[in-house]
Amino acid sequence: MSQRGDGHLRIGDRVVVVYAPSWCRRYLAGRLGRVARVLPFPGGDVWVRFERPVTPWCERMDPVQEFPFSPWQLATP
């Protein structure tokens, strides 16, 4: 992951999803967003709020506005 000089993402940082879980990769990979939350432990999940909500991939889902990723799944544009 490409991060700030200190190696950490911070709330408000702009990121791009470079890798997503296999079940949602085609919908989330390549999406731009901003860091909304960072879990406070090394390697903790980073919650990304997408610039535009992602259209649901089945009728039982609401549009996806935020999703958790591991830090290594994200890059700064």
N, C-alpha and C. Protein backbone atom coordinates (compact mmCIF):
# COMPACT_ATOMS: atom_id res chain seq x y z
N MET A 1 0.85 -1.18 0.00
CA MET A 1 0.00 0.00 0.00
C MET A 1 0.89 1.23 0.00
N SER A 2 0.46 2.21 -0.72
CA SER A 2 1.14 3.49 -0.72
C SER A 2 0.51 4.35 0.36
N GLN A 3 1.31 4.73 1.36
CA GLN A 3 0.77 5.47 2.49
C GLN A 3 1.53 6.77 2.69
N ARG A 4 1.14 7.50 3.72
CA ARG A 4 1.87 8.70 4.10
C ARG A 4 3.26 8.34 4.58
N GLY A 5 4.09 9.31 4.74
CA GLY A 5 5.46 9.10 5.16
C GLY A 5 5.59 8.30 6.45
N ASP A 6 4.61 8.41 7.35
CA ASP A 6 4.72 7.67 8.61
C ASP A 6 4.13 6.26 8.51
N GLY A 7 3.61 5.88 7.33
CA GLY A 7 3.11 4.53 7.12
C GLY A 7 1.70 4.28 7.58
N HIS A 8 0.95 5.31 7.94
CA HIS A 8 -0.41 5.11 8.44
C HIS A 8 -1.42 5.90 7.62
N LEU A 9 -2.59 5.29 7.46
CA LEU A 9 -3.71 6.03 6.87
C LEU A 9 -4.44 6.75 7.99
N ARG A 10 -5.00 7.89 7.65
CA ARG A 10 -5.74 8.68 8.63
C ARG A 10 -7.14 8.97 8.10
N ILE A 11 -8.04 9.25 9.01
CA ILE A 11 -9.40 9.61 8.63
C ILE A 11 -9.32 10.80 7.68
N GLY A 12 -10.05 10.68 6.58
CA GLY A 12 -10.08 11.74 5.57
C GLY A 12 -9.14 11.51 4.41
N ASP A 13 -8.16 10.59 4.55
CA ASP A 13 -7.25 10.29 3.44
C ASP A 13 -8.03 9.73 2.27
N ARG A 14 -7.67 10.13 1.06
CA ARG A 14 -8.30 9.60 -0.15
C ARG A 14 -7.56 8.32 -0.54
N VAL A 15 -8.32 7.27 -0.86
CA VAL A 15 -7.73 5.98 -1.20
C VAL A 15 -8.45 5.36 -2.40
N VAL A 16 -7.79 4.39 -3.01
CA VAL A 16 -8.39 3.57 -4.06
C VAL A 16 -8.28 2.12 -3.62
N VAL A 17 -9.32 1.35 -3.88
CA VAL A 17 -9.33 -0.06 -3.52
C VAL A 17 -8.58 -0.82 -4.62
N VAL A 18 -7.45 -1.44 -4.26
CA VAL A 18 -6.68 -2.20 -5.25
C VAL A 18 -6.98 -3.69 -5.16
N TYR A 19 -7.52 -4.14 -4.06
CA TYR A 19 -7.85 -5.55 -3.89
C TYR A 19 -9.05 -5.64 -2.95
N ALA A 20 -10.02 -6.45 -3.31
CA ALA A 20 -11.21 -6.63 -2.47
C ALA A 20 -11.46 -8.13 -2.33
N PRO A 21 -12.24 -8.54 -1.33
CA PRO A 21 -12.56 -9.96 -1.20
C PRO A 21 -13.18 -10.50 -2.50
N SER A 22 -12.95 -11.77 -2.78
CA SER A 22 -13.37 -12.36 -4.05
C SER A 22 -14.87 -12.21 -4.31
N TRP A 23 -15.70 -12.28 -3.27
CA TRP A 23 -17.15 -12.23 -3.47
C TRP A 23 -17.66 -10.85 -3.88
N CYS A 24 -16.83 -9.81 -3.71
CA CYS A 24 -17.28 -8.47 -4.10
C CYS A 24 -16.23 -7.71 -4.91
N ARG A 25 -15.19 -8.41 -5.37
CA ARG A 25 -14.08 -7.76 -6.07
C ARG A 25 -14.54 -6.97 -7.28
N ARG A 26 -15.41 -7.55 -8.10
CA ARG A 26 -15.81 -6.85 -9.33
C ARG A 26 -16.60 -5.58 -9.07
N TYR A 27 -17.16 -5.44 -7.88
CA TYR A 27 -17.95 -4.25 -7.54
C TYR A 27 -17.15 -3.19 -6.80
N LEU A 28 -16.11 -3.61 -6.07
CA LEU A 28 -15.40 -2.66 -5.21
C LEU A 28 -13.98 -2.31 -5.67
N ALA A 29 -13.32 -3.21 -6.40
CA ALA A 29 -11.95 -2.94 -6.85
C ALA A 29 -11.94 -1.73 -7.79
N GLY A 30 -11.00 -0.85 -7.57
CA GLY A 30 -10.87 0.36 -8.39
C GLY A 30 -11.70 1.53 -7.91
N ARG A 31 -12.51 1.34 -6.89
CA ARG A 31 -13.35 2.42 -6.36
C ARG A 31 -12.52 3.40 -5.55
N LEU A 32 -12.88 4.67 -5.67
CA LEU A 32 -12.26 5.72 -4.88
C LEU A 32 -13.10 6.01 -3.65
N GLY A 33 -12.44 6.40 -2.58
CA GLY A 33 -13.17 6.76 -1.38
C GLY A 33 -12.27 7.49 -0.40
N ARG A 34 -12.82 7.76 0.75
CA ARG A 34 -12.07 8.41 1.83
C ARG A 34 -12.13 7.53 3.06
N VAL A 35 -11.06 7.53 3.81
CA VAL A 35 -11.00 6.76 5.04
C VAL A 35 -11.99 7.37 6.03
N ALA A 36 -12.92 6.53 6.52
CA ALA A 36 -13.93 7.00 7.48
C ALA A 36 -13.57 6.60 8.91
N ARG A 37 -12.96 5.41 9.08
CA ARG A 37 -12.57 4.91 10.39
C ARG A 37 -11.34 4.03 10.23
N VAL A 38 -10.50 4.03 11.23
CA VAL A 38 -9.33 3.15 11.28
C VAL A 38 -9.34 2.47 12.64
N LEU A 39 -9.37 1.15 12.65
CA LEU A 39 -9.36 0.44 13.92
C LEU A 39 -8.00 0.65 14.59
N PRO A 40 -8.00 0.88 15.91
CA PRO A 40 -6.80 1.36 16.61
C PRO A 40 -5.80 0.28 17.03
N PHE A 41 -5.48 -0.63 16.13
CA PHE A 41 -4.42 -1.59 16.43
C PHE A 41 -3.68 -1.90 15.14
N PRO A 42 -2.43 -2.32 15.23
CA PRO A 42 -1.62 -2.56 14.03
C PRO A 42 -2.30 -3.53 13.06
N GLY A 43 -2.40 -3.12 11.81
CA GLY A 43 -3.04 -3.97 10.80
C GLY A 43 -4.54 -4.00 10.89
N GLY A 44 -5.15 -3.14 11.72
CA GLY A 44 -6.60 -3.11 11.88
C GLY A 44 -7.30 -2.65 10.62
N ASP A 45 -8.56 -3.05 10.48
CA ASP A 45 -9.33 -2.69 9.30
C ASP A 45 -9.45 -1.18 9.15
N VAL A 46 -9.55 -0.78 7.90
CA VAL A 46 -9.74 0.61 7.52
C VAL A 46 -11.10 0.69 6.82
N TRP A 47 -12.02 1.47 7.37
CA TRP A 47 -13.34 1.62 6.76
C TRP A 47 -13.28 2.74 5.73
N VAL A 48 -13.68 2.43 4.50
CA VAL A 48 -13.65 3.38 3.40
C VAL A 48 -15.07 3.78 3.05
N ARG A 49 -15.31 5.10 2.97
CA ARG A 49 -16.59 5.63 2.51
C ARG A 49 -16.40 6.02 1.06
N PHE A 50 -17.18 5.37 0.18
CA PHE A 50 -17.03 5.57 -1.25
C PHE A 50 -17.55 6.93 -1.68
N GLU A 51 -16.90 7.50 -2.70
CA GLU A 51 -17.31 8.81 -3.21
C GLU A 51 -18.72 8.75 -3.78
N ARG A 52 -19.04 7.64 -4.42
CA ARG A 52 -20.42 7.39 -4.88
C ARG A 52 -20.82 6.03 -4.36
N PRO A 53 -22.01 5.89 -3.75
CA PRO A 53 -22.42 4.57 -3.25
C PRO A 53 -22.38 3.52 -4.37
N VAL A 54 -21.99 2.31 -4.00
CA VAL A 54 -21.89 1.21 -4.95
C VAL A 54 -23.27 0.58 -5.10
N THR A 55 -23.69 0.39 -6.35
CA THR A 55 -24.99 -0.22 -6.64
C THR A 55 -25.00 -1.65 -6.09
N PRO A 56 -26.09 -2.05 -5.45
CA PRO A 56 -26.16 -3.41 -4.91
C PRO A 56 -26.05 -4.47 -6.00
N TRP A 57 -25.45 -5.62 -5.64
CA TRP A 57 -25.30 -6.69 -6.62
C TRP A 57 -26.34 -7.78 -6.45
N CYS A 58 -27.29 -7.57 -5.55
CA CYS A 58 -28.48 -8.43 -5.47
C CYS A 58 -29.62 -7.62 -4.88
N GLU A 59 -30.84 -8.04 -5.12
CA GLU A 59 -32.00 -7.23 -4.71
C GLU A 59 -32.19 -7.14 -3.20
N ARG A 60 -31.54 -7.98 -2.43
CA ARG A 60 -31.68 -7.93 -0.97
C ARG A 60 -30.75 -6.92 -0.31
N MET A 61 -29.91 -6.26 -1.09
CA MET A 61 -28.91 -5.35 -0.52
C MET A 61 -29.29 -3.89 -0.72
N ASP A 62 -28.83 -3.07 0.20
CA ASP A 62 -28.90 -1.62 0.04
C ASP A 62 -27.62 -1.17 -0.65
N PRO A 63 -27.61 0.03 -1.22
CA PRO A 63 -26.36 0.54 -1.79
C PRO A 63 -25.25 0.55 -0.73
N VAL A 64 -24.05 0.19 -1.13
CA VAL A 64 -22.91 0.12 -0.21
C VAL A 64 -22.23 1.48 -0.17
N GLN A 65 -22.22 2.11 1.02
CA GLN A 65 -21.58 3.41 1.18
C GLN A 65 -20.24 3.30 1.87
N GLU A 66 -20.09 2.31 2.76
CA GLU A 66 -18.83 2.09 3.48
C GLU A 66 -18.53 0.61 3.50
N PHE A 67 -17.22 0.29 3.53
CA PHE A 67 -16.83 -1.11 3.56
C PHE A 67 -15.47 -1.20 4.24
N PRO A 68 -15.22 -2.26 5.04
CA PRO A 68 -13.92 -2.40 5.70
C PRO A 68 -12.91 -3.14 4.81
N PHE A 69 -11.68 -2.68 4.84
CA PHE A 69 -10.59 -3.30 4.10
C PHE A 69 -9.39 -3.42 5.02
N SER A 70 -8.52 -4.37 4.72
CA SER A 70 -7.21 -4.43 5.37
C SER A 70 -6.36 -3.32 4.75
N PRO A 71 -5.44 -2.76 5.50
CA PRO A 71 -4.62 -1.67 4.94
C PRO A 71 -3.90 -2.05 3.64
N TRP A 72 -3.49 -3.31 3.49
CA TRP A 72 -2.76 -3.72 2.29
C TRP A 72 -3.66 -3.79 1.05
N GLN A 73 -4.97 -3.69 1.22
CA GLN A 73 -5.91 -3.73 0.09
C GLN A 73 -6.14 -2.34 -0.51
N LEU A 74 -5.52 -1.31 0.05
CA LEU A 74 -5.75 0.06 -0.37
C LEU A 74 -4.46 0.74 -0.81
N ALA A 75 -4.62 1.76 -1.64
CA ALA A 75 -3.48 2.59 -2.05
C ALA A 75 -3.94 4.04 -2.10
N THR A 76 -3.02 4.95 -1.92
CA THR A 76 -3.37 6.37 -2.08
C THR A 76 -3.19 6.72 -3.55
N PRO A 77 -4.17 7.43 -4.13
CA PRO A 77 -4.05 7.77 -5.56
C PRO A 77 -2.98 8.81 -5.84
